[in-house]
Structures are given as structure tokens and as C-alpha cells.
Amino acid sequence: MKFLFSVLAIIISVVAIYYFSRQTNSQISVVQSSTPLVTSSVSHQCPSGFIKVPGNLQYHTSDFCVMKYDAKCADINNPAVGLQPTLGSMTSGESNAHAYGTYKNSGAGAACTTSNNKQIVSTASGFPVTYIPESGNGTDNAENYCAHMGWHLITNNEWMTIARNVEQVPSNWCDKNGANCGFLPGTSGKILANGHNDSNNEASAGGASSDSALIAGDDSRPCFGTTTDGSNTCGGKGSQKRTLTFNNGNIIWDFAGNVWQWVDNTVMRKDEPRSTTNGVPDQGWTRSDFAPGSLESVLSDNGKSASMGYDVFRPSNPSWNATNGVGRIYHYSSAIDTDTTLYTFIRGGNWKHATDDGAFTMHMSPVPTKTNINDVGFRCVATLQ
């Protein structure tokens, strides 16, 4: 009998302990669920005029911030408004009385620096800063302008992080006029939107009524400035879509078209990719497609050295070419070249290179110290704060 009482006592104790444990754990769970994690209150921010880009392990990039627009120049006392020089002014990018809709950074008093009471900004208003080298020319260069603000010139890995992101977003695949978007990447008859690239535009958005870079609009009008009927809408006469959307919903302007952009990467001429035309090796400077089906000249390799390789400049789908809106490459092709001159990448295209323009477009002929180019600008990158 004593044995039975002992067993019952043990059972009662175990049940009591189990019940108490359940009650305690339940209370603890309630407390934990009502207490936010410390990390949830941390909000990483980008500087004004920048947008967040999701990182890419392949390119060794963590999340970063990029200028939403081409780099512009503004007065230090009014950084929210980009400058739009008029024809004949000291900073107007022009030739033969034609304004190209760019900010001419070269010349006395023109540099967008604090000594001239100006600074680099990322704003919808204002003409893109051009006539500026990637490096060299003292401190008046794209690298230094970004660094002066605590940022850096976009690298090729960062460029490719963006390009490989936007190529996979359906809303970036549209009709050539920028309308009817929202298709699977590579859908026949659709293109990856490749920006303002046909030399036609609204006079109100550029330096002139044609052959001009443009200011940007608001995100609700992605074809702003590209029409010739005053509509400024995708589907209007001559419209072209200037925006691309990241997979996080952020929108970037003029990543393709408008003005070329310096990228912080160089390659020796002898290491540039080679190409063939109708099976015959090309010799010298040429423009080529990434894949057959558009131009007769097509890449036959991806270049040499650590500066080059398939993933350095090409879209993820090896069959895509300019017909898909991804752009083309301008390069030096030679199987016997030994020239070690360093050339810098410029990417994206400009307002007049038509189907050559695209998110993957690359031009490999400018030297980094080249100053007086009226259609090459830049874009800065910042770390998340």
C-alpha cells in the first residue's frame, strides 16, 4: 500500500511540474512575442537622391545606394534643383549654336566644385554633368567629385549588379515605345527598356528640340521628354522608356540612354574581346553584338585578363542581343594586338545611338583622362547609412 501511495505521489508531482512548466513557457512566449527585436528598429537609409540596390553574391556586392539620376550640378545653397544652362552660357554643353542638354564642366569657373559654390547632386531637374574625365585633370574628375561627397564612382561590379537585377524584372520588358510592359524576360517582340536613344525629344525637356540629353520627370511618367507630340507619355509619338525598376521596387532613371556613364574599371586594349564578321575575324575598333541575329559582327570571346570575362559585361542569357534591348559593345578586336594602353569602361549609351544602347552596353575606347566629351557623364554610389 505504501508503495502505491509513493507511486501516486510521484505521478502527481510530475503532472504538477509539467503543468507549471507549460504555464510558465506560455507566459514567456507572450512576453517574447510582444518585445520587438533590437535589429527590427534599425533602418538603413540612402542619401537624398539615391536609391537602394539589392546586393549580388556573384559580384561580391552587399546592398548599396546608387544615384537615382545621372549626376547633376547644383548651387550649394539650393541642392534640390539641378542646373540647366541655357544656350550660350559658360556651362552649356553646345556646339555650333546647338545645345546638347548637358552641363559643361570644363572651362574657367565651370567646375561643379565648392570653390565655385556648386556641388554634385542626384536630382530629376538639371542637365547631366559632362565634359569631365573619369580620373586625372587635377581634382576635376568623376572619381574625385564622388569622393568629395563621401561617395565613390560606380564600379563595374555595381553596374552589373544593377543590370542583372533589372533584366529579370517583368515590368522592364516592354514594347519599343515603352508601353505595354510586364512580360517574361526575353519575350519575343519585347525589349528591356533602353532609354532615350533616338535623338528626338521634347524641347521643354532638353537643350533643344532634337539631338539632346534630357532632364528627368517623375516616376509616373517614365517616357518623359522622349515624345515629339507634347504628350510625354509612353505610347505617344516617338516615346521611349527611360526608367528601370529593381526587384525591390526602386526606380532608376537613364541607366540606359541619355548620356554615357564612366565606370571605375579599366582594361588593356590587347585584352579586349574579339569578334568576327560572317566568320572572319575583325581587326581594329568595331561595334559588335553579344549574340547572333542583329549585327553581322558578333563577339567570338569575352576578352582576356582579370578585367574581362562573360559576367563582366554580358546579360545572363547568352542568346540575347540588341534585338532584345540589352545593347551592344564597342571594342578593339585583334588576335595579335600587344597594345597595353588602358581604356576605361563607359556604359549605357547616349541619346543618339539607337539600338546600340542598353543596360549592358559597353564602350571600351575612352582613356580615363579624356575630358572634352559632350555625352559622357557619371553616377556615384554610397553606402547604406
Protein backbone atom coordinates (compact mmCIF):
# COMPACT_ATOMS: atom_id res chain seq x y z
CA MET A 1 0.00 0.00 0.00
CA LYS A 2 2.77 2.37 0.88
CA PHE A 3 4.29 1.56 -2.48
CA LEU A 4 1.10 2.58 -4.29
CA PHE A 5 0.90 5.87 -2.40
CA SER A 6 4.51 6.57 -3.28
CA VAL A 7 3.85 5.96 -6.97
CA LEU A 8 0.76 8.19 -6.86
CA ALA A 9 2.74 10.94 -5.16
CA ILE A 10 5.41 10.78 -7.87
CA ILE A 11 2.80 10.90 -10.63
CA ILE A 12 1.06 13.90 -9.04
CA SER A 13 4.41 15.70 -8.71
CA VAL A 14 5.31 15.07 -12.36
CA VAL A 15 1.92 16.32 -13.54
CA ALA A 16 2.24 19.44 -11.39
CA ILE A 17 5.71 20.18 -12.71
CA TYR A 18 4.57 19.64 -16.33
CA TYR A 19 1.54 21.92 -15.86
CA PHE A 20 3.62 24.63 -14.21
CA SER A 21 6.20 24.37 -16.96
CA ARG A 22 3.55 24.78 -19.67
CA GLN A 23 2.09 27.81 -17.94
CA THR A 24 5.50 29.41 -17.45
CA ASN A 25 6.61 28.78 -21.03
CA SER A 26 3.33 30.17 -22.30
CA GLN A 27 3.88 33.36 -20.30
CA ILE A 28 7.45 33.62 -21.55
CA SER A 29 6.25 33.17 -25.13
CA VAL A 30 3.80 36.02 -24.72
CA VAL A 31 6.48 38.28 -23.34
CA GLN A 32 8.91 37.41 -26.14
CA SER A 33 6.36 37.92 -28.91
CA SER A 34 5.41 41.34 -27.58
CA THR A 35 9.02 42.53 -27.36
CA PRO A 36 10.48 43.63 -30.76
CA LEU A 37 13.97 42.54 -31.68
CA VAL A 38 16.52 45.32 -31.48
CA THR A 39 17.50 44.82 -35.12
CA SER A 40 13.94 45.44 -36.31
CA SER A 41 14.18 49.08 -35.28
CA VAL A 42 17.30 49.67 -37.37
CA SER A 43 16.53 51.41 -40.69
CA HIS A 44 19.30 51.68 -43.25
CA GLN A 45 18.95 54.83 -45.32
CA CYS A 46 20.38 56.18 -48.57
CA PRO A 47 21.46 59.80 -49.10
CA SER A 48 18.98 62.17 -50.72
CA GLY A 49 18.60 61.37 -54.42
CA PHE A 50 19.93 57.80 -54.03
CA ILE A 51 18.04 54.50 -54.06
CA LYS A 52 18.81 51.13 -52.50
CA VAL A 53 20.15 48.36 -54.72
CA PRO A 54 19.93 44.70 -53.58
CA GLY A 55 23.39 43.13 -53.43
CA ASN A 56 24.54 40.21 -55.57
CA LEU A 57 26.81 37.42 -54.28
CA GLN A 58 28.16 36.76 -57.76
CA TYR A 59 29.50 40.32 -57.92
CA HIS A 60 30.55 40.42 -54.26
CA THR A 61 28.21 43.32 -53.57
CA SER A 62 26.10 43.78 -50.47
CA ASP A 63 23.14 46.19 -50.56
CA PHE A 64 24.25 49.67 -51.61
CA CYS A 65 22.88 53.05 -52.67
CA VAL A 66 23.13 54.45 -56.20
CA MET A 67 22.20 57.81 -57.70
CA LYS A 68 18.64 57.62 -58.98
CA TYR A 69 19.61 60.03 -61.77
CA ASP A 70 22.70 60.93 -63.78
CA ALA A 71 24.98 63.16 -61.71
CA LYS A 72 23.87 66.80 -61.93
CA CYS A 73 25.32 70.08 -60.67
CA ALA A 74 23.53 72.43 -58.26
CA ASP A 75 24.27 75.59 -56.32
CA ILE A 76 25.39 74.76 -52.79
CA ASN A 77 22.57 76.90 -51.36
CA ASN A 78 19.93 75.12 -53.46
CA PRO A 79 20.96 71.46 -53.83
CA ALA A 80 17.45 70.25 -54.63
CA VAL A 81 17.46 71.96 -58.03
CA GLY A 82 19.85 70.84 -60.75
CA LEU A 83 21.26 73.49 -63.08
CA GLN A 84 20.03 73.72 -66.67
CA PRO A 85 22.45 76.03 -68.54
CA THR A 86 20.94 77.97 -71.44
CA LEU A 87 22.44 78.22 -74.91
CA GLY A 88 25.45 80.50 -74.91
CA SER A 89 26.15 80.30 -71.19
CA MET A 90 29.58 79.28 -69.85
CA THR A 91 28.41 75.85 -68.72
CA SER A 92 26.19 74.94 -71.66
CA GLY A 93 27.28 71.78 -73.45
CA GLU A 94 26.93 73.01 -77.00
CA SER A 95 28.45 73.13 -80.47
CA ASN A 96 27.66 75.35 -83.47
CA ALA A 97 24.88 77.11 -81.56
CA HIS A 98 23.20 73.82 -80.68
CA ALA A 99 22.68 72.99 -77.02
CA TYR A 100 23.05 69.31 -76.13
CA GLY A 101 21.22 69.47 -72.82
CA THR A 102 24.35 68.84 -70.77
CA TYR A 103 26.31 70.73 -68.13
CA LYS A 104 29.80 71.56 -69.46
CA ASN A 105 32.14 71.02 -66.54
CA SER A 106 35.32 72.18 -68.29
CA GLY A 107 36.46 75.78 -68.57
CA ALA A 108 37.23 78.60 -66.14
CA GLY A 109 34.66 78.83 -63.36
CA ALA A 110 32.61 75.95 -64.75
CA ALA A 111 33.74 73.11 -62.48
CA CYS A 112 30.99 71.82 -60.18
CA THR A 113 33.04 72.34 -57.01
CA THR A 114 32.74 74.16 -53.71
CA SER A 115 35.24 76.76 -54.93
CA ASN A 116 32.56 77.76 -57.45
CA ASN A 117 29.77 77.41 -54.86
CA LYS A 118 28.46 74.29 -56.56
CA GLN A 119 28.16 70.59 -55.75
CA ILE A 120 27.28 67.27 -57.35
CA VAL A 121 23.70 66.10 -56.74
CA SER A 122 21.20 63.49 -57.89
CA THR A 123 18.02 65.29 -58.91
CA ALA A 124 15.35 64.96 -61.60
CA SER A 125 15.94 68.56 -62.65
CA GLY A 126 19.19 69.67 -64.21
CA PHE A 127 21.28 68.57 -67.17
CA PRO A 128 23.78 65.71 -66.75
CA VAL A 129 27.34 66.78 -65.94
CA THR A 130 29.62 66.03 -68.91
CA TYR A 131 32.96 67.28 -70.29
CA ILE A 132 34.59 65.57 -67.33
CA PRO A 133 37.21 62.77 -67.23
CA GLU A 134 36.93 59.62 -65.17
CA SER A 135 40.23 60.49 -63.45
CA GLY A 136 43.14 62.90 -63.92
CA ASN A 137 42.81 66.63 -64.71
CA GLY A 138 43.73 67.53 -61.15
CA THR A 139 40.68 67.18 -58.93
CA ASP A 140 38.12 67.92 -61.64
CA ASN A 141 37.16 64.35 -62.43
CA ALA A 142 34.26 61.99 -61.76
CA GLU A 143 36.15 59.87 -59.23
CA ASN A 144 37.10 62.88 -57.11
CA TYR A 145 33.69 64.53 -57.36
CA CYS A 146 32.06 61.43 -55.91
CA ALA A 147 34.76 61.02 -53.25
CA HIS A 148 34.44 64.68 -52.19
CA MET A 149 30.83 63.97 -51.21
CA GLY A 150 31.80 60.80 -49.29
CA TRP A 151 30.71 58.51 -52.13
CA HIS A 152 32.55 56.69 -54.93
CA LEU A 153 32.24 56.35 -58.69
CA ILE A 154 30.16 53.32 -59.63
CA THR A 155 32.28 50.21 -60.18
CA ASN A 156 31.67 47.65 -62.88
CA ASN A 157 30.60 45.06 -60.30
CA GLU A 158 28.00 47.51 -59.04
CA TRP A 159 26.90 48.28 -62.59
CA MET A 160 26.47 44.59 -63.31
CA THR A 161 24.63 44.07 -60.02
CA ILE A 162 22.05 46.57 -61.27
CA ALA A 163 21.97 45.28 -64.86
CA ARG A 164 21.49 41.65 -63.84
CA ASN A 165 18.76 42.75 -61.43
CA VAL A 166 16.67 44.81 -63.86
CA GLU A 167 16.92 42.21 -66.65
CA GLN A 168 14.85 39.81 -64.52
CA VAL A 169 12.02 42.23 -63.65
CA PRO A 170 8.99 41.79 -65.97
CA SER A 171 7.91 45.44 -65.75
CA ASN A 172 11.12 46.40 -67.58
CA TRP A 173 10.21 44.32 -70.65
CA CYS A 174 8.01 46.44 -72.90
CA ASP A 175 7.11 47.41 -76.43
CA LYS A 176 9.76 49.56 -78.11
CA ASN A 177 7.71 52.67 -77.34
CA GLY A 178 7.82 51.92 -73.62
CA ALA A 179 4.17 50.91 -73.42
CA ASN A 180 2.57 47.52 -72.70
CA CYS A 181 5.14 46.34 -70.14
CA GLY A 182 5.13 43.31 -67.87
CA PHE A 183 6.47 40.31 -69.75
CA LEU A 184 8.84 37.47 -69.02
CA PRO A 185 12.48 38.38 -69.75
CA GLY A 186 13.35 37.75 -73.39
CA THR A 187 9.75 37.60 -74.61
CA SER A 188 9.71 37.87 -78.39
CA GLY A 189 8.76 41.34 -79.63
CA LYS A 190 9.57 42.98 -76.29
CA ILE A 191 12.74 44.78 -75.24
CA LEU A 192 14.49 45.54 -71.98
CA ALA A 193 13.69 49.27 -71.90
CA ASN A 194 16.76 51.05 -73.26
CA GLY A 195 16.08 54.71 -72.63
CA HIS A 196 16.22 57.91 -74.66
CA ASN A 197 18.34 56.99 -77.67
CA ASP A 198 16.83 58.28 -80.94
CA SER A 199 17.88 61.99 -80.94
CA ASN A 200 14.23 63.12 -80.88
CA ASN A 201 12.74 64.80 -77.85
CA GLU A 202 10.52 67.48 -76.39
CA ALA A 203 12.26 70.86 -76.44
CA SER A 204 10.93 71.57 -72.94
CA ALA A 205 12.94 68.65 -71.51
CA GLY A 206 16.26 69.17 -73.29
CA GLY A 207 18.67 71.79 -74.54
CA ALA A 208 17.00 71.79 -77.94
CA SER A 209 14.09 70.15 -79.76
CA SER A 210 16.33 67.33 -81.00
CA ASP A 211 19.79 65.79 -80.53
CA SER A 212 19.80 66.49 -76.80
CA ALA A 213 20.11 64.86 -73.40
CA LEU A 214 17.15 65.38 -71.11
CA ILE A 215 16.17 66.30 -67.59
CA ALA A 216 14.16 63.61 -65.78
CA GLY A 217 10.49 63.58 -64.87
CA ASP A 218 8.58 61.98 -62.02
CA ASP A 219 8.32 58.20 -61.80
CA SER A 220 4.72 58.19 -63.03
CA ARG A 221 5.92 59.39 -66.47
CA PRO A 222 8.77 57.02 -67.44
CA CYS A 223 8.83 58.22 -71.07
CA PHE A 224 9.06 61.90 -70.07
CA GLY A 225 10.78 64.12 -72.65
CA THR A 226 11.16 61.46 -75.34
CA THR A 227 7.96 62.20 -77.30
CA THR A 228 7.53 64.76 -80.07
CA ASP A 229 3.79 65.38 -79.69
CA GLY A 230 3.85 67.07 -76.29
CA SER A 231 2.29 64.08 -74.54
CA ASN A 232 5.35 62.94 -72.53
CA THR A 233 3.66 59.57 -72.13
CA CYS A 234 4.64 56.04 -73.13
CA GLY A 235 2.76 55.30 -76.34
CA GLY A 236 3.00 58.91 -77.50
CA LYS A 237 4.75 59.79 -80.76
CA GLY A 238 8.39 58.64 -80.58
CA SER A 239 8.17 57.62 -76.91
CA GLN A 240 10.94 55.62 -75.23
CA LYS A 241 11.00 54.33 -71.66
CA ARG A 242 13.77 55.89 -69.56
CA THR A 243 13.24 54.07 -66.26
CA LEU A 244 14.11 50.61 -65.00
CA THR A 245 12.73 49.03 -61.84
CA PHE A 246 14.69 46.91 -59.35
CA ASN A 247 13.21 43.77 -57.81
CA ASN A 248 12.76 45.76 -54.59
CA GLY A 249 10.53 48.29 -56.39
CA ASN A 250 13.02 51.16 -56.57
CA ILE A 251 13.23 53.02 -59.89
CA ILE A 252 16.38 54.29 -61.63
CA TRP A 253 16.43 56.84 -64.46
CA ASP A 254 18.62 56.80 -67.58
CA PHE A 255 20.64 53.71 -66.72
CA ALA A 256 20.45 53.17 -70.48
CA GLY A 257 20.46 56.08 -72.93
CA ASN A 258 20.63 59.85 -72.31
CA VAL A 259 24.40 60.07 -71.56
CA TRP A 260 27.18 57.51 -71.28
CA GLN A 261 28.46 56.91 -67.77
CA TRP A 262 32.02 56.45 -66.59
CA VAL A 263 32.55 53.18 -64.71
CA ASP A 264 35.51 52.61 -62.39
CA ASN A 265 37.12 49.78 -64.34
CA THR A 266 39.88 49.60 -66.96
CA VAL A 267 41.24 47.09 -69.48
CA MET A 268 44.32 46.98 -71.70
CA ARG A 269 43.49 47.19 -75.39
CA LYS A 270 45.16 43.83 -76.07
CA ASP A 271 42.77 42.16 -73.60
CA GLU A 272 39.53 43.45 -75.09
CA PRO A 273 37.08 40.92 -76.55
CA ARG A 274 37.42 39.73 -80.13
CA SER A 275 34.71 39.37 -82.75
CA THR A 276 34.04 38.02 -86.21
CA THR A 277 32.01 39.28 -89.18
CA ASN A 278 30.46 36.47 -91.14
CA GLY A 279 33.02 34.14 -89.59
CA VAL A 280 36.02 36.32 -90.48
CA PRO A 281 37.98 37.77 -87.52
CA ASP A 282 37.51 41.53 -87.11
CA GLN A 283 40.58 43.75 -86.91
CA GLY A 284 40.52 47.14 -85.18
CA TRP A 285 37.83 49.19 -83.45
CA THR A 286 34.37 47.83 -84.12
CA ARG A 287 30.89 47.50 -82.67
CA SER A 288 29.52 44.03 -82.13
CA ASP A 289 26.51 42.18 -80.83
CA PHE A 290 26.62 39.86 -77.85
CA ALA A 291 24.91 37.10 -79.85
CA PRO A 292 23.98 36.44 -83.50
CA GLY A 293 20.79 37.74 -85.03
CA SER A 294 21.20 41.51 -85.14
CA LEU A 295 24.60 42.72 -86.43
CA GLU A 296 26.93 40.81 -88.72
CA SER A 297 29.75 41.41 -86.24
CA VAL A 298 29.35 39.14 -83.21
CA LEU A 299 31.63 38.53 -80.23
CA SER A 300 33.75 35.39 -80.50
CA ASP A 301 35.17 35.55 -76.97
CA ASN A 302 34.86 37.55 -73.74
CA GLY A 303 38.34 39.07 -73.61
CA LYS A 304 41.37 38.20 -71.55
CA SER A 305 42.82 39.00 -68.11
CA ALA A 306 41.06 39.52 -64.79
CA SER A 307 39.36 42.64 -66.19
CA MET A 308 37.28 40.63 -68.61
CA GLY A 309 35.00 37.59 -68.78
CA TYR A 310 31.41 36.74 -69.68
CA ASP A 311 29.91 38.07 -66.45
CA VAL A 312 31.86 41.32 -66.65
CA PHE A 313 29.60 42.84 -69.28
CA ARG A 314 27.01 40.46 -70.74
CA PRO A 315 23.38 39.62 -69.90
CA SER A 316 22.65 36.33 -68.19
CA ASN A 317 21.01 34.85 -71.29
CA PRO A 318 23.74 34.19 -73.91
CA SER A 319 21.21 34.37 -76.78
CA TRP A 320 20.14 37.97 -76.10
CA ASN A 321 21.36 40.73 -78.39
CA ALA A 322 20.34 44.27 -79.35
CA THR A 323 17.02 42.96 -80.67
CA ASN A 324 16.18 42.27 -77.02
CA GLY A 325 17.18 45.80 -75.99
CA VAL A 326 20.26 44.77 -73.98
CA GLY A 327 22.66 46.85 -76.09
CA ARG A 328 25.98 46.27 -77.87
CA ILE A 329 29.72 46.57 -77.27
CA TYR A 330 32.29 48.85 -78.94
CA HIS A 331 35.75 47.33 -78.63
CA TYR A 332 39.13 46.62 -80.23
CA SER A 333 39.30 43.23 -81.90
CA SER A 334 42.65 41.63 -82.72
CA ALA A 335 44.22 38.23 -82.18
CA ILE A 336 47.74 39.68 -82.31
CA ASP A 337 47.38 43.03 -80.55
CA THR A 338 50.05 43.82 -77.92
CA ASP A 339 48.95 47.39 -77.07
CA THR A 340 48.86 47.91 -73.28
CA THR A 341 47.04 51.27 -73.32
CA LEU A 342 44.47 51.34 -70.53
CA TYR A 343 40.93 52.17 -71.53
CA THR A 344 38.05 52.87 -69.17
CA PHE A 345 34.55 51.42 -69.45
CA ILE A 346 31.72 53.77 -70.31
CA ARG A 347 28.32 52.14 -70.19
CA GLY A 348 24.63 52.54 -71.05
CA GLY A 349 24.83 54.57 -74.26
CA ASN A 350 23.61 58.09 -75.06
CA TRP A 351 20.70 60.00 -76.58
CA LYS A 352 21.51 59.13 -80.22
CA HIS A 353 22.92 55.59 -80.51
CA ALA A 354 19.57 53.87 -81.02
CA THR A 355 19.66 50.09 -80.57
CA ASP A 356 23.31 50.23 -79.53
CA ASP A 357 22.02 51.49 -76.17
CA GLY A 358 21.03 49.26 -73.29
CA ALA A 359 21.70 48.29 -69.68
CA PHE A 360 24.61 46.07 -70.81
CA THR A 361 26.04 48.40 -73.46
CA MET A 362 29.76 48.98 -73.09
CA HIS A 363 32.21 51.23 -74.94
CA MET A 364 35.87 50.42 -74.38
CA SER A 365 37.78 53.17 -76.19
CA PRO A 366 37.98 56.27 -73.95
CA VAL A 367 41.13 56.74 -71.90
CA PRO A 368 40.27 57.69 -68.29
CA THR A 369 41.74 61.22 -68.62
CA LYS A 370 39.66 62.17 -71.68
CA THR A 371 37.99 65.47 -70.80
CA ASN A 372 36.06 67.12 -73.62
CA ILE A 373 33.37 64.53 -74.32
CA ASN A 374 29.94 66.10 -74.55
CA ASP A 375 27.95 62.91 -73.94
CA VAL A 376 29.76 61.13 -71.08
CA GLY A 377 28.61 61.70 -67.53
CA PHE A 378 28.74 59.58 -64.37
CA ARG A 379 26.85 58.19 -61.41
CA CYS A 380 28.01 57.85 -57.79
CA VAL A 381 27.43 55.08 -55.24
CA ALA A 382 27.09 55.45 -51.46
CA THR A 383 26.99 53.02 -48.58
CA LEU A 384 23.81 52.45 -46.61
CA GLN A 385 23.69 54.61 -43.50
